[in-house]
Amino acid sequence: MQSNLYPSTHTRCCFSWNPDKPQIPTPKILKHKLKTSIISPGVSTSLKTSLNFGEEKCNKQQEETTLPFYLPVSVRKSDSHSRYIWDGKDLKLVSVDGNAFSISDFDSNFEDTVHKLVRICVSAIRNFFLPREVSRNYLEYVKWKFVHRVSSSALQVLATQAMLRAIGIGNSRSLPLAAALNWVLKDGLGRLCRCIYTASLASSFDTNLKRVRFCTSVLFSLSIGVELLTPVFPQYFLMLASIANIAKQISLACYLATSTAVHRSFAIADNLGEVSAKGQIQTVCFDNLGLTLAATLNILSANNPRLQAGLPFVMYPVFSVLDLFGIYQGLKHVHLQTLTKDRLNIIISTWIQQGFVPSPEEVSKQEGIGLSWSRGREPWSIRIGCLNPRRCTAKLSVMTMQSLNSEDLYFLSPESLTSELKRNQEYGVLLSLREGAETTDVIRGILHASYVRKGIEACGSSSAVLKQWFNLVEDGKRLTEQNLSFLYEQMLSLGWACKNILLSTQEQARYSFIAD
C-alpha cells in the first residue's frame, strides 16, 4: 500500500521497504534535491518532502504564467480595437487592429508601415468629419453636400465681388457713405422679409421639408444671378441687391429650420448633438474649399481684365447646376421617419396594392422633392381639412353630416376639384377630423379613405361613384377595422415614428360635434 503523501510521478524517488523491520523510509530524490527531517516517531518523513515539492510545483506554475498572454476582454472604440494582456507584472492594453504605430516599425517593414500610417490618417479624418453612429446613407449625403457647399460658396464669392464692383469700391469715383448706406438697407430689408416668410410657412418646414428645401435652393441660385447683374445696372443697385438679399435670407431661414430634422434622421443612437456638430464642421471646411476655388479662378484671370470681368457670368451656370444637383441628390439620401399626410398616403397605398409596408428609404424614393406644380394631380386624391361649401356635393355632404354620432371622430365626403362649368368633373375624397382625434384616428381615416378610393376604381364614372358612395364607405370601414392593427404593428417594426403625424395649418382644422 502506497501513501498519498509521497511525491507525485513528476519526481522520481527510490527507497527500500521491509515489513519485518520497521523503519522510516528515506526517499532519495533524483531530479530534485529535497531536504527531509523526521517529524515524530511513527510518522512518515515524506510528509514534509511532499509539502516542499508542492511549493516548488506552485512556483513552477507561477513561472510558467509569467509568459505574456491575452485576457478574454477587449475594448472597441470608434477608431481602434484593443485587448488586455498580462505579462506577469503589469496589465496592459495592446492594439490588435494594426493601427498602433511606432518609429521602429520603419526598420522592420517599410511598406506595411506606410499602409498603417495611411489607415491611421484615414481613421483620424473620418473621426474628425463623421459622427460615430449614423445611418448607412449618411456618407452618400455628405458626398453630395460637399458638391453643394463648394459650389454655393464659390457662387457667393463671385456675387460679392460683383456687388463691390457695382458700388464702386476700388474706383477713384466711389462714394463710401452711399455704398455703406445701400449695403445696410439691403441687409435690413432682407432680414425683415426673412421673418415674414418664416412666420407664414412654419408648418411647411415639417410637412414638406424636402420640397421647401429644394425650392429655396433654387431661389438662392436665382438670387446669386441677380447680384451678378448689379455691376451691369449700378443705378439700380439698391433694388437689385435688396431683391437678391431677400431671396438669400429666405433660403437661409429654410436651411436653419430644416437642418435639425435632417440631422435627426441620421442620428440612429439619439446622438443629435454630435451629428449637428459634425455637420457644422463639414459646412465650414467645404465652404472654405469653395472660397479657395473662387479665389484661384480670380488669380488665374488677374492678368486679363476682360476675362476677370466676364468670369462670374461664365462660371455662374456651371456652379448653379452643380449646386442644385448636389442638394437634390443629397435630399434623396435623407430618409425621414416622421409621418406626414403624403408619406402616410404612400405607405397605405403601397400596403393595399402590394401587400407590404414600405420602409422610410423606399418612401423617400417616391416622395416628391421638385417643384409642387410639376406633379400631376392624382384622381380621387385625399385631402385633410374642413368641408368647403363651394366644393362639396351638397346632398351627399348633408346626408353624411346627418348620419354622424357622438362616437365618430371623422367623416368622409366627396368634393369637387374643378369648376362646375367644366364638362369632365374631377373629384377628391375629403377626410374631416373631429376635435380630440388622435394619431391612430388619423391613420384610420386615411386607411378608410384609401379603401374607398380602391372601390371607386371598380365603379367607372364619377356619377356611379356618387350613387354608390355610402356603400363604398361602409365596405371601406369594415376593411379598415380588420386591418388597422396589423398595419400599425408593421409600421412600428420598420422604424416609423407613429407617435405623432405632422400636419399643415390647413390640415389641422377640426370640426366639433353638436348633439341635439
Protein backbone atom coordinates (compact mmCIF):
# COMPACT_ATOMS: atom_id res chain seq x y z
CA MET A 1 0.00 0.00 0.00
CA GLN A 2 1.44 3.35 -1.07
CA SER A 3 0.81 6.54 0.82
CA ASN A 4 -0.65 9.55 -0.96
CA LEU A 5 1.82 11.74 0.83
CA TYR A 6 4.64 10.66 -1.43
CA PRO A 7 5.80 12.89 -4.23
CA SER A 8 3.93 12.74 -7.48
CA THR A 9 5.15 10.99 -10.58
CA HIS A 10 6.86 14.19 -11.73
CA THR A 11 9.61 13.48 -9.13
CA ARG A 12 11.22 10.07 -9.12
CA CYS A 13 12.15 8.56 -5.72
CA CYS A 14 13.79 5.24 -4.74
CA PHE A 15 13.67 3.57 -1.32
CA SER A 16 13.50 0.06 0.21
CA TRP A 17 10.77 -1.32 2.38
CA ASN A 18 10.92 -4.32 4.75
CA PRO A 19 7.73 -5.06 6.67
CA ASP A 20 9.61 -7.17 9.25
CA LYS A 21 11.97 -4.36 10.07
CA PRO A 22 10.03 -1.18 10.69
CA GLN A 23 11.89 1.92 9.75
CA ILE A 24 11.17 5.32 8.41
CA PRO A 25 11.65 5.31 4.68
CA THR A 26 14.19 7.75 3.39
CA PRO A 27 13.27 8.87 -0.12
CA LYS A 28 16.13 9.54 -2.47
CA ILE A 29 15.21 12.34 -4.82
CA LEU A 30 16.91 12.01 -8.17
CA LYS A 31 15.59 15.04 -10.01
CA HIS A 32 15.08 17.50 -7.14
CA LYS A 33 17.24 17.76 -4.01
CA LEU A 34 14.77 17.97 -1.18
CA LYS A 35 15.73 18.16 2.46
CA THR A 36 13.82 15.81 4.78
CA SER A 37 13.55 15.65 8.52
CA ILE A 38 11.87 13.34 10.98
CA ILE A 39 8.79 14.89 12.37
CA SER A 40 8.00 12.33 15.01
CA PRO A 41 8.41 8.58 15.51
CA GLY A 42 5.93 6.52 13.58
CA VAL A 43 5.08 9.29 11.11
CA SER A 44 6.49 9.24 7.59
CA THR A 45 9.07 11.93 6.85
CA SER A 46 7.80 12.06 3.31
CA LEU A 47 5.09 14.46 4.53
CA LYS A 48 7.45 17.43 4.56
CA THR A 49 9.03 16.23 1.36
CA SER A 50 5.70 16.29 -0.46
CA LEU A 51 4.85 19.69 1.01
CA ASN A 52 8.13 21.13 -0.20
CA PHE A 53 7.52 19.60 -3.60
CA GLY A 54 4.04 21.19 -3.70
CA GLU A 55 5.59 24.59 -3.10
CA GLU A 56 8.08 24.03 -5.90
CA LYS A 57 5.27 22.92 -8.20
CA CYS A 58 3.35 26.13 -7.38
CA ASN A 59 6.45 28.20 -8.06
CA LYS A 60 6.96 26.40 -11.34
CA GLN A 61 3.35 27.13 -12.37
CA GLN A 62 3.84 30.79 -11.45
CA GLU A 63 6.98 30.90 -13.56
CA GLU A 64 5.06 29.41 -16.46
CA THR A 65 2.27 32.01 -16.08
CA THR A 66 4.75 34.87 -16.33
CA LEU A 67 4.69 34.46 -20.10
CA PRO A 68 2.55 37.25 -21.70
CA PHE A 69 -0.94 36.11 -22.61
CA TYR A 70 -4.17 37.77 -23.77
CA LEU A 71 -7.12 38.10 -21.41
CA PRO A 72 -10.63 37.39 -22.76
CA VAL A 73 -11.64 41.07 -22.66
CA SER A 74 -11.25 43.60 -25.48
CA VAL A 75 -12.08 47.29 -25.86
CA ARG A 76 -13.54 48.58 -29.10
CA LYS A 77 -13.70 52.32 -29.79
CA SER A 78 -14.70 54.26 -32.87
CA ASP A 79 -11.14 54.33 -34.20
CA SER A 80 -9.37 51.43 -32.50
CA HIS A 81 -9.66 47.88 -31.23
CA SER A 82 -7.50 46.84 -28.25
CA ARG A 83 -7.17 43.87 -25.93
CA TYR A 84 -5.91 43.40 -22.39
CA ILE A 85 -2.64 41.46 -21.91
CA TRP A 86 -0.89 40.25 -18.73
CA ASP A 87 2.91 39.94 -18.79
CA GLY A 88 3.30 38.64 -15.25
CA LYS A 89 3.83 42.04 -13.68
CA ASP A 90 1.59 44.62 -15.35
CA LEU A 91 -1.80 44.75 -17.06
CA LYS A 92 -1.51 46.36 -20.49
CA LEU A 93 -3.91 47.41 -23.24
CA VAL A 94 -2.48 46.49 -26.65
CA SER A 95 -3.86 47.38 -30.10
CA VAL A 96 -4.98 44.39 -32.16
CA ASP A 97 -6.34 46.16 -35.24
CA GLY A 98 -2.99 47.12 -36.74
CA ASN A 99 -3.37 50.86 -36.06
CA ALA A 100 -0.62 51.02 -33.45
CA PHE A 101 2.41 52.87 -34.80
CA SER A 102 5.99 53.39 -33.68
CA ILE A 103 9.15 54.75 -35.36
CA SER A 104 10.87 51.38 -35.03
CA ASP A 105 8.32 49.91 -37.46
CA PHE A 106 10.15 51.62 -40.35
CA ASP A 107 13.15 49.39 -39.84
CA SER A 108 11.20 46.13 -39.94
CA ASN A 109 8.85 46.63 -42.89
CA PHE A 110 8.64 49.98 -44.64
CA GLU A 111 5.71 49.13 -46.95
CA ASP A 112 3.49 47.77 -44.18
CA THR A 113 4.30 50.80 -42.04
CA VAL A 114 3.22 53.18 -44.82
CA HIS A 115 -0.09 51.32 -45.19
CA LYS A 116 -0.53 51.51 -41.44
CA LEU A 117 0.11 55.27 -41.48
CA VAL A 118 -2.46 55.71 -44.25
CA ARG A 119 -5.04 53.77 -42.22
CA ILE A 120 -4.35 55.91 -39.18
CA CYS A 121 -4.71 59.14 -41.18
CA VAL A 122 -7.93 57.99 -42.83
CA SER A 123 -9.33 56.96 -39.45
CA ALA A 124 -8.39 60.35 -37.95
CA ILE A 125 -10.01 62.26 -40.82
CA ARG A 126 -13.13 60.12 -40.58
CA ASN A 127 -13.44 60.74 -36.83
CA PHE A 128 -12.96 64.46 -37.42
CA PHE A 129 -15.66 64.80 -40.09
CA LEU A 130 -18.14 61.99 -39.41
CA PRO A 131 -20.14 61.01 -36.31
CA ARG A 132 -19.61 57.61 -34.73
CA GLU A 133 -23.08 56.12 -35.10
CA VAL A 134 -25.17 57.22 -38.08
CA SER A 135 -27.37 55.54 -40.64
CA ARG A 136 -25.74 53.89 -43.63
CA ASN A 137 -26.95 56.56 -46.08
CA TYR A 138 -25.10 59.36 -44.26
CA LEU A 139 -21.87 59.04 -46.26
CA GLU A 140 -23.73 59.49 -49.56
CA TYR A 141 -25.43 62.57 -48.13
CA VAL A 142 -22.07 64.07 -47.11
CA LYS A 143 -20.65 63.38 -50.58
CA TRP A 144 -23.40 65.41 -52.26
CA LYS A 145 -23.26 68.02 -49.52
CA PHE A 146 -19.62 68.57 -50.49
CA VAL A 147 -20.64 69.32 -54.11
CA HIS A 148 -23.45 71.60 -52.94
CA ARG A 149 -21.48 73.62 -50.39
CA VAL A 150 -18.34 74.10 -52.52
CA SER A 151 -20.39 75.35 -55.49
CA SER A 152 -22.57 77.55 -53.29
CA SER A 153 -19.57 79.11 -51.56
CA ALA A 154 -17.83 79.83 -54.87
CA LEU A 155 -21.02 81.48 -56.18
CA GLN A 156 -21.26 83.74 -53.13
CA VAL A 157 -17.66 84.89 -53.57
CA LEU A 158 -18.28 85.80 -57.21
CA ALA A 159 -21.53 87.59 -56.31
CA THR A 160 -19.91 89.58 -53.51
CA GLN A 161 -17.10 90.62 -55.84
CA ALA A 162 -19.66 91.78 -58.40
CA MET A 163 -21.59 93.88 -55.85
CA LEU A 164 -18.41 95.51 -54.56
CA ARG A 165 -17.57 96.47 -58.11
CA ALA A 166 -21.09 97.83 -58.58
CA ILE A 167 -20.94 100.22 -55.63
CA GLY A 168 -17.54 101.48 -56.80
CA ILE A 169 -15.20 100.10 -54.16
CA GLY A 170 -11.69 100.19 -55.61
CA ASN A 171 -12.50 103.05 -58.02
CA SER A 172 -11.49 106.67 -57.57
CA ARG A 173 -15.12 107.81 -58.00
CA SER A 174 -16.52 105.62 -55.22
CA LEU A 175 -18.77 107.14 -52.57
CA PRO A 176 -18.09 105.32 -49.26
CA LEU A 177 -21.08 106.80 -47.38
CA ALA A 178 -23.62 105.98 -50.11
CA ALA A 179 -22.16 102.49 -50.56
CA ALA A 180 -22.40 101.73 -46.84
CA LEU A 181 -25.97 103.06 -46.70
CA ASN A 182 -27.07 100.90 -49.63
CA TRP A 183 -25.43 97.84 -48.09
CA VAL A 184 -27.18 98.36 -44.75
CA LEU A 185 -30.57 98.96 -46.38
CA LYS A 186 -30.46 95.81 -48.49
CA ASP A 187 -29.48 93.73 -45.40
CA GLY A 188 -32.28 95.23 -43.31
CA LEU A 189 -34.94 94.57 -45.93
CA GLY A 190 -33.71 91.01 -46.37
CA ARG A 191 -33.93 90.20 -42.67
CA LEU A 192 -37.40 91.70 -42.40
CA CYS A 193 -38.70 89.53 -45.24
CA ARG A 194 -36.98 86.52 -43.69
CA CYS A 195 -39.05 86.96 -40.53
CA ILE A 196 -42.29 87.28 -42.51
CA TYR A 197 -41.53 84.19 -44.59
CA THR A 198 -40.58 82.06 -41.59
CA ALA A 199 -43.74 83.00 -39.71
CA SER A 200 -46.04 82.29 -42.67
CA LEU A 201 -44.58 78.90 -43.63
CA ALA A 202 -43.62 77.49 -40.24
CA SER A 203 -45.61 74.23 -40.55
CA SER A 204 -44.37 73.59 -44.11
CA PHE A 205 -40.86 73.03 -42.77
CA ASP A 206 -42.20 69.80 -41.22
CA THR A 207 -44.78 68.60 -43.74
CA ASN A 208 -42.92 69.45 -46.98
CA LEU A 209 -39.32 69.59 -45.77
CA LYS A 210 -37.58 68.31 -48.89
CA ARG A 211 -39.68 70.28 -51.35
CA VAL A 212 -39.33 73.54 -49.42
CA ARG A 213 -35.58 72.99 -49.01
CA PHE A 214 -35.06 72.40 -52.73
CA CYS A 215 -37.32 75.28 -53.82
CA THR A 216 -35.47 77.72 -51.59
CA SER A 217 -32.17 76.40 -53.02
CA VAL A 218 -33.45 77.31 -56.49
CA LEU A 219 -34.37 80.72 -55.09
CA PHE A 220 -30.83 81.09 -53.70
CA SER A 221 -29.25 80.35 -57.08
CA LEU A 222 -31.53 82.92 -58.74
CA SER A 223 -30.56 85.50 -56.11
CA ILE A 224 -26.89 85.00 -56.99
CA GLY A 225 -27.76 85.72 -60.61
CA VAL A 226 -29.50 88.94 -59.61
CA GLU A 227 -26.45 90.04 -57.61
CA LEU A 228 -24.23 89.42 -60.61
CA LEU A 229 -26.33 91.96 -62.55
CA THR A 230 -25.53 94.82 -60.16
CA PRO A 231 -22.32 95.88 -61.99
CA VAL A 232 -24.29 95.97 -65.25
CA PHE A 233 -27.00 98.21 -63.73
CA PRO A 234 -25.25 100.11 -60.91
CA GLN A 235 -28.00 102.75 -60.82
CA TYR A 236 -30.43 100.05 -59.63
CA PHE A 237 -28.04 98.63 -57.06
CA LEU A 238 -30.33 99.04 -54.04
CA MET A 239 -33.32 97.45 -55.76
CA LEU A 240 -31.38 94.51 -57.24
CA ALA A 241 -29.33 93.90 -54.10
CA SER A 242 -32.43 94.04 -51.89
CA ILE A 243 -34.34 91.55 -54.05
CA ALA A 244 -31.36 89.20 -54.07
CA ASN A 245 -30.81 89.52 -50.33
CA ILE A 246 -34.49 88.82 -49.60
CA ALA A 247 -34.23 85.58 -51.57
CA LYS A 248 -30.98 84.64 -49.81
CA GLN A 249 -32.46 85.33 -46.37
CA ILE A 250 -35.49 83.16 -47.17
CA SER A 251 -33.16 80.36 -48.27
CA LEU A 252 -31.10 80.75 -45.10
CA ALA A 253 -34.23 80.62 -42.93
CA CYS A 254 -35.32 77.38 -44.58
CA TYR A 255 -31.85 75.86 -44.20
CA LEU A 256 -31.73 76.63 -40.48
CA ALA A 257 -35.30 75.46 -39.87
CA THR A 258 -34.88 72.09 -41.63
CA SER A 259 -31.34 71.20 -40.55
CA THR A 260 -32.43 69.71 -37.23
CA ALA A 261 -34.92 67.32 -38.85
CA VAL A 262 -32.34 66.27 -41.44
CA HIS A 263 -29.71 65.59 -38.77
CA ARG A 264 -32.20 63.68 -36.62
CA SER A 265 -32.90 61.28 -39.49
CA PHE A 266 -29.23 60.21 -39.40
CA ALA A 267 -28.83 60.05 -35.59
CA ILE A 268 -29.74 56.40 -35.03
CA ALA A 269 -28.26 56.44 -31.49
CA ASP A 270 -30.01 59.69 -30.46
CA ASN A 271 -26.66 61.48 -30.91
CA LEU A 272 -28.27 64.55 -32.46
CA GLY A 273 -25.77 66.95 -30.89
CA GLU A 274 -22.80 65.06 -32.35
CA VAL A 275 -24.37 64.86 -35.82
CA SER A 276 -25.15 68.59 -35.74
CA ALA A 277 -21.63 69.45 -34.60
CA LYS A 278 -20.03 67.34 -37.34
CA GLY A 279 -22.40 68.96 -39.84
CA GLN A 280 -21.09 72.40 -38.88
CA ILE A 281 -17.50 71.21 -39.27
CA GLN A 282 -18.29 69.88 -42.73
CA THR A 283 -20.01 73.13 -43.73
CA VAL A 284 -17.05 75.29 -42.65
CA CYS A 285 -14.48 73.09 -44.40
CA PHE A 286 -16.50 72.75 -47.61
CA ASP A 287 -17.23 76.49 -47.72
CA ASN A 288 -13.54 77.27 -47.32
CA LEU A 289 -12.76 74.97 -50.24
CA GLY A 290 -15.30 76.84 -52.36
CA LEU A 291 -13.79 80.17 -51.33
CA THR A 292 -10.34 78.87 -52.28
CA LEU A 293 -11.64 77.70 -55.64
CA ALA A 294 -13.17 81.09 -56.44
CA ALA A 295 -10.03 82.91 -55.31
CA THR A 296 -7.88 80.67 -57.50
CA LEU A 297 -10.04 81.43 -60.54
CA ASN A 298 -9.67 85.17 -59.88
CA ILE A 299 -5.90 84.86 -59.53
CA LEU A 300 -5.61 82.94 -62.79
CA SER A 301 -7.59 85.63 -64.63
CA ALA A 302 -5.93 88.61 -62.92
CA ASN A 303 -3.76 89.46 -65.92
CA ASN A 304 -6.77 89.63 -68.25
CA PRO A 305 -9.28 92.33 -67.14
CA ARG A 306 -11.88 91.32 -69.71
CA LEU A 307 -11.72 87.68 -68.63
CA GLN A 308 -11.91 88.67 -64.98
CA ALA A 309 -14.98 90.85 -65.62
CA GLY A 310 -16.74 88.07 -67.50
CA LEU A 311 -15.65 85.27 -65.14
CA PRO A 312 -18.78 85.45 -62.89
CA PHE A 313 -21.12 85.18 -65.88
CA VAL A 314 -19.16 82.23 -67.29
CA MET A 315 -18.95 80.29 -64.03
CA TYR A 316 -22.45 81.10 -62.76
CA PRO A 317 -24.34 78.46 -64.81
CA VAL A 318 -21.70 75.81 -64.03
CA PHE A 319 -21.72 76.37 -60.28
CA SER A 320 -25.51 76.79 -60.17
CA VAL A 321 -26.11 73.44 -61.86
CA LEU A 322 -23.63 71.72 -59.54
CA ASP A 323 -25.21 73.41 -56.52
CA LEU A 324 -28.78 72.36 -57.36
CA PHE A 325 -27.74 68.88 -58.45
CA GLY A 326 -25.83 68.38 -55.21
CA ILE A 327 -28.73 69.49 -52.99
CA TYR A 328 -31.20 67.38 -54.98
CA GLN A 329 -29.10 64.22 -54.72
CA GLY A 330 -28.37 64.90 -51.06
CA LEU A 331 -32.07 65.17 -50.20
CA LYS A 332 -32.71 61.84 -51.91
CA HIS A 333 -30.48 60.23 -49.26
CA VAL A 334 -32.40 61.83 -46.37
CA HIS A 335 -34.85 59.19 -45.11
CA LEU A 336 -37.26 60.84 -42.69
CA GLN A 337 -39.07 58.55 -40.24
CA THR A 338 -41.72 61.09 -39.25
CA LEU A 339 -45.21 60.73 -40.66
CA THR A 340 -46.98 63.32 -42.78
CA LYS A 341 -50.15 63.02 -44.81
CA ASP A 342 -48.21 62.45 -48.03
CA ARG A 343 -45.90 59.79 -46.53
CA LEU A 344 -48.81 58.06 -44.85
CA ASN A 345 -50.68 58.06 -48.16
CA ILE A 346 -47.67 56.39 -49.88
CA ILE A 347 -47.38 53.80 -47.09
CA ILE A 348 -51.06 52.85 -47.11
CA SER A 349 -51.37 52.82 -50.91
CA THR A 350 -48.35 50.50 -51.19
CA TRP A 351 -49.72 48.27 -48.46
CA ILE A 352 -53.17 47.96 -50.09
CA GLN A 353 -51.87 47.43 -53.62
CA GLN A 354 -48.73 45.34 -53.00
CA GLY A 355 -49.31 43.83 -49.57
CA PHE A 356 -46.32 45.22 -47.61
CA VAL A 357 -45.39 48.33 -45.65
CA PRO A 358 -42.53 50.27 -47.30
CA SER A 359 -39.52 51.36 -45.26
CA PRO A 360 -38.50 55.03 -44.85
CA GLU A 361 -35.87 54.52 -47.55
CA GLU A 362 -38.45 53.18 -50.03
CA VAL A 363 -40.88 56.01 -49.27
CA SER A 364 -38.07 58.54 -49.71
CA LYS A 365 -37.63 57.38 -53.32
CA GLN A 366 -41.30 58.07 -54.07
CA GLU A 367 -41.52 61.29 -52.12
CA GLY A 368 -41.58 64.47 -54.17
CA ILE A 369 -38.61 66.83 -53.98
CA GLY A 370 -39.12 69.04 -57.02
CA LEU A 371 -41.45 71.94 -57.59
CA SER A 372 -45.06 71.35 -56.49
CA TRP A 373 -46.62 72.36 -59.81
CA SER A 374 -44.54 69.76 -61.67
CA ARG A 375 -46.55 66.94 -60.11
CA GLY A 376 -49.70 65.68 -61.75
CA ARG A 377 -52.95 65.58 -59.82
CA GLU A 378 -53.89 62.12 -58.62
CA PRO A 379 -57.52 61.04 -59.32
CA TRP A 380 -59.66 60.97 -56.19
CA SER A 381 -56.84 62.39 -54.11
CA ILE A 382 -57.26 62.55 -50.33
CA ARG A 383 -57.39 65.90 -48.55
CA ILE A 384 -57.48 66.50 -44.79
CA GLY A 385 -59.42 69.57 -43.71
CA CYS A 386 -62.87 71.01 -43.26
CA LEU A 387 -65.81 70.89 -45.64
CA ASN A 388 -65.88 73.69 -48.18
CA PRO A 389 -69.49 74.52 -49.22
CA ARG A 390 -68.32 75.68 -52.65
CA ARG A 391 -66.54 72.43 -53.47
CA CYS A 392 -68.68 69.81 -51.80
CA THR A 393 -71.52 67.79 -53.29
CA ALA A 394 -74.33 69.33 -51.28
CA LYS A 395 -76.76 66.42 -50.87
CA LEU A 396 -74.14 63.80 -50.05
CA SER A 397 -72.40 66.11 -47.62
CA VAL A 398 -75.63 66.93 -45.82
CA MET A 399 -76.57 63.24 -45.55
CA THR A 400 -73.08 62.42 -44.28
CA MET A 401 -73.19 65.04 -41.54
CA GLN A 402 -76.72 63.99 -40.52
CA SER A 403 -75.57 60.41 -40.03
CA LEU A 404 -72.79 61.40 -37.56
CA ASN A 405 -72.98 60.40 -33.92
CA SER A 406 -71.00 61.19 -30.78
CA GLU A 407 -68.62 58.24 -31.30
CA ASP A 408 -67.43 59.24 -34.78
CA LEU A 409 -64.06 61.00 -34.83
CA TYR A 410 -64.00 61.69 -38.58
CA PHE A 411 -66.14 61.50 -41.69
CA LEU A 412 -65.52 61.09 -45.42
CA SER A 413 -67.15 63.13 -48.13
CA PRO A 414 -66.63 63.60 -51.89
CA GLU A 415 -65.62 67.05 -53.08
CA SER A 416 -65.21 68.64 -56.49
CA LEU A 417 -61.71 69.67 -57.54
CA THR A 418 -62.70 71.58 -60.69
CA SER A 419 -65.19 74.24 -61.66
CA GLU A 420 -68.79 73.23 -62.32
CA LEU A 421 -68.55 74.76 -65.80
CA LYS A 422 -66.11 72.09 -66.98
CA ARG A 423 -67.50 69.00 -68.60
CA ASN A 424 -65.10 66.50 -67.07
CA GLN A 425 -65.50 66.95 -63.37
CA GLU A 426 -62.65 65.82 -61.12
CA TYR A 427 -63.41 64.70 -57.60
CA GLY A 428 -61.45 64.02 -54.45
CA VAL A 429 -62.01 62.46 -51.04
CA LEU A 430 -62.26 64.79 -48.05
CA LEU A 431 -61.22 63.50 -44.62
CA SER A 432 -62.58 65.79 -41.95
CA LEU A 433 -61.27 65.17 -38.43
CA ARG A 434 -63.11 65.91 -35.23
CA GLU A 435 -61.62 67.72 -32.23
CA GLY A 436 -59.90 65.20 -29.99
CA ALA A 437 -58.90 62.87 -32.84
CA GLU A 438 -55.58 61.19 -32.06
CA THR A 439 -52.82 59.80 -34.26
CA THR A 440 -54.48 56.39 -34.61
CA ASP A 441 -57.69 58.11 -35.71
CA VAL A 442 -55.81 59.96 -38.47
CA ILE A 443 -54.25 56.69 -39.65
CA ARG A 444 -57.66 55.01 -39.51
CA GLY A 445 -59.22 57.83 -41.52
CA ILE A 446 -56.57 57.77 -44.27
CA LEU A 447 -56.75 53.95 -44.43
CA HIS A 448 -60.55 54.18 -44.71
CA ALA A 449 -60.29 56.80 -47.47
CA SER A 450 -57.76 54.64 -49.33
CA TYR A 451 -60.10 51.65 -49.28
CA VAL A 452 -62.89 53.88 -50.59
CA ARG A 453 -60.63 55.08 -53.37
CA LYS A 454 -59.79 51.49 -54.26
CA GLY A 455 -63.53 50.70 -54.52
CA ILE A 456 -64.02 53.76 -56.74
CA GLU A 457 -61.74 52.21 -59.39
CA ALA A 458 -64.32 49.47 -60.00
CA CYS A 459 -67.23 51.90 -60.33
CA GLY A 460 -66.12 53.62 -63.52
CA SER A 461 -67.76 57.03 -63.99
CA SER A 462 -67.99 59.73 -61.33
CA SER A 463 -71.78 59.67 -61.38
CA ALA A 464 -71.77 55.96 -60.50
CA VAL A 465 -69.40 56.67 -57.64
CA LEU A 466 -71.68 59.33 -56.19
CA LYS A 467 -74.66 56.96 -56.34
CA GLN A 468 -72.81 54.18 -54.53
CA TRP A 469 -70.90 56.45 -52.17
CA PHE A 470 -72.41 55.21 -48.89
CA ASN A 471 -71.91 51.57 -49.86
CA LEU A 472 -68.27 52.29 -50.64
CA VAL A 473 -67.86 54.00 -47.27
CA GLU A 474 -69.37 51.04 -45.38
CA ASP A 475 -67.22 48.49 -47.20
CA GLY A 476 -64.11 50.57 -46.57
CA LYS A 477 -64.94 50.89 -42.87
CA ARG A 478 -65.24 47.12 -42.50
CA LEU A 479 -61.85 46.52 -44.16
CA THR A 480 -60.28 49.26 -42.07
CA GLU A 481 -61.33 47.69 -38.77
CA GLN A 482 -59.98 44.31 -39.92
CA ASN A 483 -56.51 45.51 -40.97
CA LEU A 484 -55.70 48.62 -38.91
CA SER A 485 -53.89 46.88 -36.03
CA PHE A 486 -51.72 44.78 -38.35
CA LEU A 487 -50.78 47.85 -40.41
CA TYR A 488 -49.87 49.78 -37.26
CA GLU A 489 -47.60 46.97 -35.98
CA GLN A 490 -45.83 46.72 -39.34
CA MET A 491 -45.16 50.45 -39.39
CA LEU A 492 -43.67 50.38 -35.89
CA SER A 493 -41.41 47.42 -36.74
CA LEU A 494 -39.93 49.32 -39.71
CA GLY A 495 -38.99 52.34 -37.61
CA TRP A 496 -41.80 54.75 -38.48
CA ALA A 497 -42.48 57.36 -35.77
CA CYS A 498 -46.18 56.69 -35.21
CA LYS A 499 -46.47 58.79 -32.08
CA ASN A 500 -47.38 61.96 -33.99
CA ILE A 501 -48.41 62.93 -37.52
CA LEU A 502 -47.14 66.25 -38.85
CA LEU A 503 -49.97 68.21 -40.48
CA SER A 504 -50.01 71.59 -42.20
CA THR A 505 -52.01 74.55 -40.94
CA GLN A 506 -54.94 73.73 -43.26
CA GLU A 507 -54.84 70.05 -42.27
CA GLN A 508 -55.00 70.90 -38.57
CA ALA A 509 -58.55 72.25 -38.91
CA ARG A 510 -61.12 70.25 -36.86
CA TYR A 511 -64.89 70.10 -36.58
CA SER A 512 -66.97 69.85 -33.41
CA PHE A 513 -69.99 67.60 -32.93
CA ILE A 514 -73.05 69.35 -31.56
CA ALA A 515 -75.59 66.97 -30.03
CA ASP A 516 -79.31 67.70 -30.30
